[in-house]
Amino acid sequence: MTSRLEDLLTRIIRKGNFRVTFADGRTKTIGDGSGQPVALRFTDEKAENELVADPQLKLGEIYMDGRMIVEEGDIYELLALVKSNTLAEDLSFGMVWRGLMRFCLTRICGLFPVNHNRRNVAHHYDLSAKLFDLFLDQDWQYSCAYFHPEGISLDEAQIAKKRHIAAKLLLEPKQRVLEIGSGWGGMAMYLAEMAGVEVNGITLSTEQLRVSRGRAEKRGLSDRVRFDLQDYRTMRSAPFDRIVSVGMFEHVGRHNYRHFFSKVAELLKEDGVMVLHSIGQPYPSLFNNPFFEKYIFPGGYIPSVAEVLPAVEKSGLLVRDIEILPHHYAHTLRHWRQRFLARKAEVVSLYDERFFRMWEFYLAGSEMAFSHENFFIFQMQLTRSQFVVPDNRNYIAEAEERLKVMEGARAPLEKVEF
């Protein structure tokens, strides 16, 4: 007799080479036999029933708990196989009503927002610095790299990302720059050394603050680069010449977009420029992915460009440029995942096998979003005046070439101190 899970998988997987071993020992091959083989084994019947009832949450959970074992292929190939087959009519009643419940809960929470920013940031970014050192580039850039030209290394692509953003900022020596979400300090130090500007980086992560301050001091930049534990919403300062934010906007939340851009307008000089670098998705989401919400980025939300622009307009800021980078994050995440898997023993020694599988699922699921769900990166350039930015984009490539030459004289990055 077939199980509920077998019925579901048979209905979903039409193309592919998929083999599943159920908890009762039965093995079934599903699909048309095309492509790379993927094989799963379930350790208990309860795991099978949980997956049928709530696949969005339970697929990651039962993999993380070791109750679903990938015996051939890997978790990314499994996710890609499922995503490339799934159609709307494949959804079960349980999936639909759980989706409706999550949609309603998201809307209710939006009516009564609670500030959990500090707690949410700590959940992810205050993990051991040693963990991030295992898979990030030398400068600890935890955001999408810029693989231009194609085929360059992860370290080269992260430098190219910083160079690309710096070019769009139209920097001049002695300018004051605010970085909202300063990470481990790499962007701020790059801007200070390459453009001779003063940078104030703000973060809500105590671990990132500790590391970034130590790095700036070690490079002799403490007089030009300052990092503070500061929420952008309560910041009081004289206006800045430039503002940059990379990989932070995904944590703002859609109900806070208008306040975010109003604050940017308040903190930006009349002739100032801001560059916002963020993940985007092709259409607004009804609710967050429940696995990512529970285990990885609580309170996060990936916007569509259509959700962002009305808030920009209401703030009085002008959009001077929007660039869409569709595939660069898929490449970045592939590098991170491969490096993470290669250092499995060290991850397990820091945490445990369950944590390792949780993060493997997170990295694989994120990569799949860019390779199969049309997620992208957008870089939005904002000003308060229409006369600040040139009326063609030639200046970006010209500035990048100048910066590339200057990078050759830059002192090598030191190993991050923990």
Protein backbone atom coordinates (compact mmCIF):
# COMPACT_ATOMS: atom_id res chain seq x y z
CA MET A 1 0.00 0.00 0.00
CA THR A 2 1.36 3.40 -0.95
CA SER A 3 1.97 6.03 1.71
CA ARG A 4 0.83 9.66 1.64
CA LEU A 5 4.41 10.73 0.96
CA GLU A 6 4.74 8.31 -1.94
CA ASP A 7 1.54 9.67 -3.45
CA LEU A 8 2.79 13.25 -3.07
CA LEU A 9 6.24 12.57 -4.55
CA THR A 10 4.78 10.62 -7.48
CA ARG A 11 2.46 13.52 -8.24
CA ILE A 12 5.23 16.14 -8.03
CA ILE A 13 8.30 14.47 -9.60
CA ARG A 14 7.55 13.96 -13.28
CA LYS A 15 11.02 14.66 -14.68
CA GLY A 16 14.26 13.49 -13.12
CA ASN A 17 15.94 10.43 -11.66
CA PHE A 18 14.69 10.18 -8.09
CA ARG A 19 14.88 7.20 -5.76
CA VAL A 20 13.37 7.16 -2.28
CA THR A 21 13.63 4.54 0.45
CA PHE A 22 10.76 4.76 2.90
CA ALA A 23 10.92 4.01 6.62
CA ASP A 24 9.32 0.59 6.09
CA GLY A 25 12.19 -0.42 3.81
CA ARG A 26 10.39 -0.08 0.47
CA THR A 27 12.31 1.63 -2.35
CA LYS A 28 10.64 3.43 -5.25
CA THR A 29 12.12 5.17 -8.30
CA ILE A 30 10.19 8.22 -9.48
CA GLY A 31 10.53 10.41 -12.58
CA ASP A 32 11.45 9.82 -16.20
CA GLY A 33 15.05 8.77 -15.48
CA SER A 34 16.64 11.96 -16.85
CA GLY A 35 19.38 13.97 -15.21
CA GLN A 36 21.62 13.30 -12.24
CA PRO A 37 20.28 10.70 -9.80
CA VAL A 38 19.10 11.82 -6.38
CA ALA A 39 18.35 9.29 -3.65
CA LEU A 40 16.73 9.80 -0.24
CA ARG A 41 16.13 7.59 2.77
CA PHE A 42 13.68 8.28 5.59
CA THR A 43 14.44 6.93 9.05
CA ASP A 44 10.92 7.00 10.52
CA GLU A 45 7.32 7.13 9.36
CA LYS A 46 6.60 10.22 11.45
CA ALA A 47 9.16 12.17 9.39
CA GLU A 48 7.31 11.16 6.22
CA ASN A 49 3.95 12.32 7.59
CA GLU A 50 5.44 15.61 8.83
CA LEU A 51 6.90 16.30 5.40
CA VAL A 52 3.54 15.72 3.70
CA ALA A 53 1.76 17.98 6.16
CA ASP A 54 4.14 20.95 5.99
CA PRO A 55 6.95 20.58 3.42
CA GLN A 56 8.02 24.25 3.54
CA LEU A 57 9.13 23.92 7.15
CA LYS A 58 9.62 20.20 7.64
CA LEU A 59 11.87 19.46 4.65
CA GLY A 60 14.64 21.49 6.24
CA GLU A 61 13.85 20.35 9.77
CA ILE A 62 13.88 16.62 9.15
CA TYR A 63 17.07 16.95 7.07
CA MET A 64 18.66 18.99 9.84
CA ASP A 65 17.62 16.35 12.42
CA GLY A 66 19.07 13.51 10.35
CA ARG A 67 15.69 11.87 9.76
CA MET A 68 15.95 12.32 5.98
CA ILE A 69 19.29 11.22 4.56
CA VAL A 70 20.52 12.14 1.08
CA GLU A 71 22.27 8.97 -0.10
CA GLU A 72 23.03 10.08 -3.67
CA GLY A 73 23.43 13.64 -4.92
CA ASP A 74 23.19 16.45 -2.39
CA ILE A 75 20.57 18.65 -0.78
CA TYR A 76 20.91 21.36 -3.45
CA GLU A 77 20.23 18.83 -6.21
CA LEU A 78 17.17 17.60 -4.28
CA LEU A 79 15.79 21.13 -3.89
CA ALA A 80 16.46 21.92 -7.55
CA LEU A 81 14.74 18.69 -8.62
CA VAL A 82 11.62 19.46 -6.59
CA LYS A 83 11.50 23.11 -7.67
CA SER A 84 11.91 22.33 -11.35
CA ASN A 85 8.91 19.96 -11.16
CA THR A 86 6.47 21.61 -8.78
CA LEU A 87 3.31 23.20 -10.17
CA ALA A 88 0.54 25.03 -8.31
CA GLU A 89 -1.85 22.08 -8.77
CA ASP A 90 0.60 19.84 -6.90
CA LEU A 91 -0.17 21.60 -3.61
CA SER A 92 -2.10 19.54 -1.08
CA PHE A 93 -4.91 20.85 1.11
CA GLY A 94 -2.54 20.89 4.09
CA MET A 95 0.00 23.00 2.21
CA VAL A 96 -2.69 25.47 1.15
CA TRP A 97 -4.23 25.99 4.59
CA ARG A 98 -0.84 26.32 6.26
CA GLY A 99 0.06 28.92 3.65
CA LEU A 100 -3.15 30.81 4.41
CA MET A 101 -2.43 30.68 8.15
CA ARG A 102 1.09 32.04 7.61
CA PHE A 103 -0.27 34.77 5.36
CA CYS A 104 -2.80 35.83 8.00
CA LEU A 105 -0.22 35.73 10.79
CA THR A 106 2.17 37.87 8.71
CA ARG A 107 -0.54 40.49 8.17
CA ILE A 108 -1.54 40.54 11.85
CA CYS A 109 2.07 40.91 13.00
CA GLY A 110 2.46 43.77 10.53
CA LEU A 111 -0.33 45.65 12.28
CA PHE A 112 1.44 45.41 15.64
CA PRO A 113 5.15 45.62 14.83
CA VAL A 114 7.57 44.87 17.68
CA ASN A 115 11.20 45.95 17.53
CA HIS A 116 13.20 42.71 17.66
CA ASN A 117 15.98 44.03 15.42
CA ARG A 118 18.76 43.56 17.95
CA ARG A 119 17.62 40.04 18.86
CA ASN A 120 17.12 39.03 15.22
CA VAL A 121 20.56 40.29 14.21
CA ALA A 122 22.22 38.50 17.12
CA HIS A 123 20.53 35.22 16.12
CA HIS A 124 22.61 35.06 12.94
CA TYR A 125 25.48 37.54 13.00
CA ASP A 126 26.64 36.95 16.57
CA LEU A 127 27.56 33.35 15.81
CA SER A 128 31.21 32.47 16.26
CA ALA A 129 33.50 34.52 14.05
CA LYS A 130 35.39 31.30 13.36
CA LEU A 131 32.34 29.96 11.51
CA PHE A 132 32.32 32.76 8.94
CA ASP A 133 36.08 32.52 8.53
CA LEU A 134 35.61 28.98 7.21
CA PHE A 135 33.75 29.94 4.03
CA LEU A 136 33.90 33.69 3.34
CA ASP A 137 36.56 35.49 1.32
CA GLN A 138 39.63 37.04 2.91
CA ASP A 139 37.78 40.31 3.61
CA TRP A 140 34.71 38.60 5.13
CA GLN A 141 32.21 40.01 2.65
CA TYR A 142 28.91 38.36 3.60
CA SER A 143 26.93 39.65 0.62
CA CYS A 144 26.73 39.01 -3.11
CA ALA A 145 30.01 39.23 -4.99
CA TYR A 146 30.33 40.73 -8.49
CA PHE A 147 31.71 38.17 -10.94
CA HIS A 148 32.83 40.57 -13.62
CA PRO A 149 34.55 39.35 -15.65
CA GLU A 150 33.18 35.82 -15.44
CA GLY A 151 35.38 33.12 -14.02
CA ILE A 152 37.25 35.21 -11.45
CA SER A 153 37.79 33.87 -7.93
CA LEU A 154 35.53 34.62 -4.97
CA ASP A 155 38.12 37.00 -3.49
CA GLU A 156 38.46 38.84 -6.81
CA ALA A 157 34.68 39.04 -7.19
CA GLN A 158 34.24 40.52 -3.72
CA ILE A 159 36.84 43.18 -4.48
CA ALA A 160 35.01 43.85 -7.75
CA LYS A 161 31.76 44.30 -5.78
CA LYS A 162 33.34 46.91 -3.49
CA ARG A 163 34.90 48.64 -6.50
CA HIS A 164 31.56 48.71 -8.37
CA ILE A 165 29.71 50.23 -5.42
CA ALA A 166 32.47 52.75 -4.71
CA ALA A 167 32.31 53.90 -8.34
CA LYS A 168 28.56 54.55 -8.05
CA LEU A 169 29.06 56.59 -4.87
CA LEU A 170 31.08 59.25 -6.75
CA LEU A 171 33.42 59.64 -3.80
CA GLU A 172 35.75 62.56 -3.18
CA PRO A 173 38.47 62.87 -0.51
CA LYS A 174 37.43 64.07 2.96
CA GLN A 175 33.76 63.28 2.43
CA ARG A 176 31.78 61.81 5.34
CA VAL A 177 30.25 58.42 4.55
CA LEU A 178 27.66 56.50 6.55
CA GLU A 179 27.50 52.73 6.12
CA ILE A 180 24.22 51.25 7.40
CA GLY A 181 24.98 47.64 8.29
CA SER A 182 28.78 47.65 8.37
CA GLY A 183 29.38 43.91 8.77
CA TRP A 184 32.97 43.04 9.62
CA GLY A 185 34.29 46.36 8.34
CA GLY A 186 35.60 45.43 4.89
CA MET A 187 33.57 47.93 2.84
CA ALA A 188 34.29 50.84 5.20
CA MET A 189 38.03 50.16 5.17
CA TYR A 190 38.05 49.83 1.37
CA LEU A 191 36.29 53.19 0.90
CA ALA A 192 38.57 54.93 3.37
CA GLU A 193 41.77 53.62 1.79
CA MET A 194 40.73 53.91 -1.85
CA ALA A 195 38.94 57.27 -1.74
CA GLY A 196 40.34 59.07 1.29
CA VAL A 197 36.93 59.43 2.92
CA GLU A 198 35.86 59.20 6.55
CA VAL A 199 33.43 56.36 7.26
CA ASN A 200 31.00 55.84 10.13
CA GLY A 201 29.78 52.25 10.08
CA ILE A 202 26.81 51.19 12.20
CA THR A 203 25.73 47.67 13.14
CA LEU A 204 23.49 45.85 15.61
CA SER A 205 25.87 42.89 15.97
CA THR A 206 28.22 43.02 18.96
CA GLU A 207 30.40 40.32 17.38
CA GLN A 208 30.73 42.21 14.10
CA LEU A 209 31.43 45.42 16.02
CA ARG A 210 34.27 43.77 17.95
CA VAL A 211 35.88 42.32 14.83
CA SER A 212 35.49 45.44 12.67
CA ARG A 213 36.97 47.75 15.33
CA GLY A 214 39.93 45.43 15.73
CA ARG A 215 40.53 45.28 11.99
CA ALA A 216 40.39 49.08 11.58
CA GLU A 217 42.80 49.59 14.46
CA LYS A 218 45.23 47.02 13.08
CA ARG A 219 45.27 48.79 9.69
CA GLY A 220 45.81 52.19 11.30
CA LEU A 221 42.41 53.47 10.21
CA SER A 222 40.82 54.28 13.57
CA ASP A 223 41.08 58.01 12.87
CA ARG A 224 39.12 57.69 9.60
CA VAL A 225 36.87 54.67 10.17
CA ARG A 226 34.57 54.42 13.18
CA PHE A 227 32.15 51.63 14.01
CA ASP A 228 29.25 51.95 16.43
CA LEU A 229 26.52 49.74 17.84
CA GLN A 230 23.68 51.84 16.53
CA ASP A 231 20.15 51.41 15.14
CA TYR A 232 19.72 53.61 12.05
CA ARG A 233 16.23 54.58 13.23
CA THR A 234 17.49 56.42 16.31
CA MET A 235 20.59 57.91 14.73
CA ARG A 236 21.15 61.65 15.15
CA SER A 237 23.91 63.22 13.10
CA ALA A 238 24.85 66.03 10.77
CA PRO A 239 24.04 64.99 7.20
CA PHE A 240 26.51 62.75 5.37
CA ASP A 241 27.95 63.28 1.90
CA ARG A 242 27.42 59.63 1.02
CA ILE A 243 25.44 56.68 2.41
CA VAL A 244 25.94 53.04 1.51
CA SER A 245 24.09 49.94 2.65
CA VAL A 246 25.02 46.44 1.46
CA GLY A 247 23.08 43.34 2.47
CA MET A 248 21.24 45.03 5.33
CA PHE A 249 17.97 46.10 3.70
CA GLU A 250 16.68 42.51 3.75
CA HIS A 251 16.38 42.89 7.55
CA VAL A 252 14.40 46.15 7.52
CA GLY A 253 10.97 44.56 6.96
CA ARG A 254 8.42 45.73 4.43
CA HIS A 255 6.40 47.71 6.99
CA ASN A 256 9.47 49.84 7.74
CA TYR A 257 10.50 50.83 4.21
CA ARG A 258 9.00 54.31 4.38
CA HIS A 259 10.74 55.06 7.66
CA PHE A 260 14.04 53.69 6.32
CA PHE A 261 14.11 55.97 3.29
CA SER A 262 12.81 58.94 5.25
CA LYS A 263 15.75 58.46 7.61
CA VAL A 264 18.13 58.22 4.67
CA ALA A 265 16.75 61.48 3.28
CA GLU A 266 17.26 63.09 6.71
CA LEU A 267 20.86 61.87 6.97
CA LEU A 268 21.88 62.67 3.38
CA LYS A 269 23.14 66.07 2.23
CA GLU A 270 21.32 67.94 -0.50
CA ASP A 271 24.11 67.01 -2.96
CA GLY A 272 24.61 63.56 -1.45
CA VAL A 273 24.46 60.09 -3.03
CA MET A 274 23.29 56.78 -1.58
CA VAL A 275 23.83 53.29 -2.98
CA LEU A 276 21.58 50.51 -1.70
CA HIS A 277 22.57 46.90 -2.46
CA SER A 278 19.89 44.32 -1.66
CA ILE A 279 18.46 40.95 -2.59
CA GLY A 280 15.21 41.22 -4.53
CA GLN A 281 12.53 38.83 -5.67
CA PRO A 282 10.35 39.08 -8.79
CA TYR A 283 7.06 39.68 -6.92
CA PRO A 284 5.93 40.40 -3.35
CA SER A 285 5.86 37.37 -1.08
CA LEU A 286 2.77 36.52 0.95
CA PHE A 287 4.90 35.31 3.86
CA ASN A 288 8.48 34.41 4.70
CA ASN A 289 9.88 30.96 4.12
CA PRO A 290 9.09 29.31 7.49
CA PHE A 291 12.40 27.43 7.78
CA PHE A 292 14.46 30.56 7.17
CA GLU A 293 12.21 32.57 9.48
CA LYS A 294 12.57 30.07 12.33
CA TYR A 295 16.21 29.05 12.04
CA ILE A 296 18.23 31.46 9.88
CA PHE A 297 16.94 35.05 9.50
CA PRO A 298 14.04 35.74 11.88
CA GLY A 299 12.25 38.92 10.90
CA GLY A 300 13.91 39.11 7.48
CA TYR A 301 12.06 39.83 4.25
CA ILE A 302 13.21 39.89 0.63
CA PRO A 303 11.50 42.77 -1.20
CA SER A 304 10.38 43.16 -4.74
CA VAL A 305 11.48 46.39 -6.44
CA ALA A 306 7.80 47.34 -6.74
CA GLU A 307 7.49 47.31 -2.94
CA VAL A 308 10.53 49.53 -2.48
CA LEU A 309 9.91 52.31 -5.00
CA PRO A 310 6.74 53.80 -3.40
CA ALA A 311 8.63 54.29 -0.12
CA VAL A 312 11.52 55.94 -1.99
CA GLU A 313 9.13 58.32 -3.72
CA LYS A 314 7.35 59.29 -0.50
CA SER A 315 10.69 60.11 1.15
CA GLY A 316 11.49 62.72 -1.51
CA LEU A 317 14.57 60.84 -2.71
CA LEU A 318 15.21 60.47 -6.44
CA VAL A 319 16.14 57.19 -8.12
CA ARG A 320 19.08 57.93 -10.40
CA ASP A 321 20.06 54.37 -11.31
CA ILE A 322 18.86 50.80 -10.76
CA GLU A 323 21.03 47.87 -11.80
CA ILE A 324 19.81 44.27 -11.70
CA LEU A 325 22.42 41.54 -11.13
CA PRO A 326 20.54 38.28 -11.77
CA HIS A 327 23.10 35.49 -11.42
CA HIS A 328 25.96 36.80 -9.29
CA TYR A 329 24.52 35.62 -5.98
CA ALA A 330 24.01 32.08 -7.28
CA HIS A 331 27.74 32.01 -8.08
CA THR A 332 28.59 33.51 -4.69
CA LEU A 333 26.48 31.02 -2.79
CA ARG A 334 27.94 28.12 -4.76
CA HIS A 335 31.43 29.22 -3.67
CA TRP A 336 30.29 29.59 -0.04
CA ARG A 337 28.56 26.20 0.00
CA GLN A 338 31.51 24.37 -1.52
CA ARG A 339 33.92 26.00 0.95
CA PHE A 340 31.56 25.27 3.85
CA LEU A 341 31.23 21.60 2.90
CA ALA A 342 35.00 21.29 2.57
CA ARG A 343 35.40 22.46 6.19
CA LYS A 344 32.70 20.20 7.65
CA ALA A 345 34.86 18.80 10.44
CA GLU A 346 35.67 22.29 11.69
CA VAL A 347 32.03 23.39 11.60
CA VAL A 348 31.01 20.30 13.56
CA SER A 349 33.74 20.94 16.13
CA LEU A 350 32.42 24.49 16.60
CA TYR A 351 28.78 23.41 16.88
CA ASP A 352 27.52 19.93 15.93
CA GLU A 353 26.25 17.78 13.04
CA ARG A 354 22.74 19.22 13.33
CA PHE A 355 24.03 22.79 12.97
CA PHE A 356 26.13 21.74 9.99
CA ARG A 357 23.09 20.26 8.21
CA MET A 358 20.98 23.32 9.08
CA TRP A 359 23.50 25.64 7.45
CA GLU A 360 24.06 23.32 4.51
CA PHE A 361 20.30 23.46 3.90
CA TYR A 362 20.33 27.26 4.27
CA LEU A 363 23.16 27.73 1.76
CA ALA A 364 21.67 25.24 -0.70
CA GLY A 365 18.19 26.73 -0.42
CA SER A 366 19.53 30.24 -0.91
CA GLU A 367 21.47 29.21 -4.00
CA MET A 368 18.40 27.49 -5.39
CA ALA A 369 16.37 30.70 -4.98
CA PHE A 370 18.72 32.48 -7.40
CA SER A 371 19.15 29.59 -9.81
CA HIS A 372 15.49 28.43 -9.94
CA GLU A 373 13.22 31.13 -8.47
CA ASN A 374 14.40 34.28 -10.29
CA PHE A 375 15.76 36.04 -7.21
CA PHE A 376 18.31 38.76 -8.00
CA ILE A 377 20.42 41.58 -6.58
CA PHE A 378 19.46 45.18 -7.19
CA GLN A 379 21.69 48.18 -6.67
CA MET A 380 19.71 51.39 -6.36
CA GLN A 381 21.39 54.78 -6.52
CA LEU A 382 19.49 57.56 -4.74
CA THR A 383 19.99 61.33 -4.45
CA ARG A 384 18.09 64.39 -3.28
CA SER A 385 19.06 66.41 -6.38
CA GLN A 386 18.86 65.46 -10.04
CA PHE A 387 22.12 67.27 -10.83
CA VAL A 388 24.47 65.21 -8.64
CA VAL A 389 24.92 62.16 -10.92
CA PRO A 390 26.14 62.29 -14.57
CA ASP A 391 23.51 61.68 -17.22
CA ASN A 392 25.30 58.60 -18.60
CA ARG A 393 26.79 55.52 -16.94
CA ASN A 394 30.30 55.83 -18.42
CA TYR A 395 31.59 57.29 -15.15
CA ILE A 396 31.09 53.92 -13.39
CA ALA A 397 33.50 51.97 -15.60
CA GLU A 398 35.96 54.89 -15.63
CA ALA A 399 35.98 55.05 -11.82
CA GLU A 400 36.36 51.29 -11.58
CA GLU A 401 39.46 51.40 -13.75
CA ARG A 402 41.02 54.09 -11.53
CA LEU A 403 40.20 52.14 -8.40
CA LYS A 404 41.62 48.95 -9.86
CA VAL A 405 44.96 50.65 -10.43
CA MET A 406 44.95 52.03 -6.88
CA GLU A 407 44.20 48.60 -5.42
CA GLY A 408 47.58 47.41 -6.63
CA ALA A 409 49.25 49.67 -4.07
CA ARG A 410 46.92 48.74 -1.22
CA ALA A 411 48.47 46.85 1.71
CA PRO A 412 47.42 43.18 1.84
CA LEU A 413 44.55 42.33 4.16
CA GLU A 414 45.59 40.79 7.45
CA LYS A 415 44.05 37.63 8.82
CA VAL A 416 41.03 38.45 10.95
CA GLU A 417 41.63 38.20 14.69
CA PHE A 418 38.98 36.30 16.65
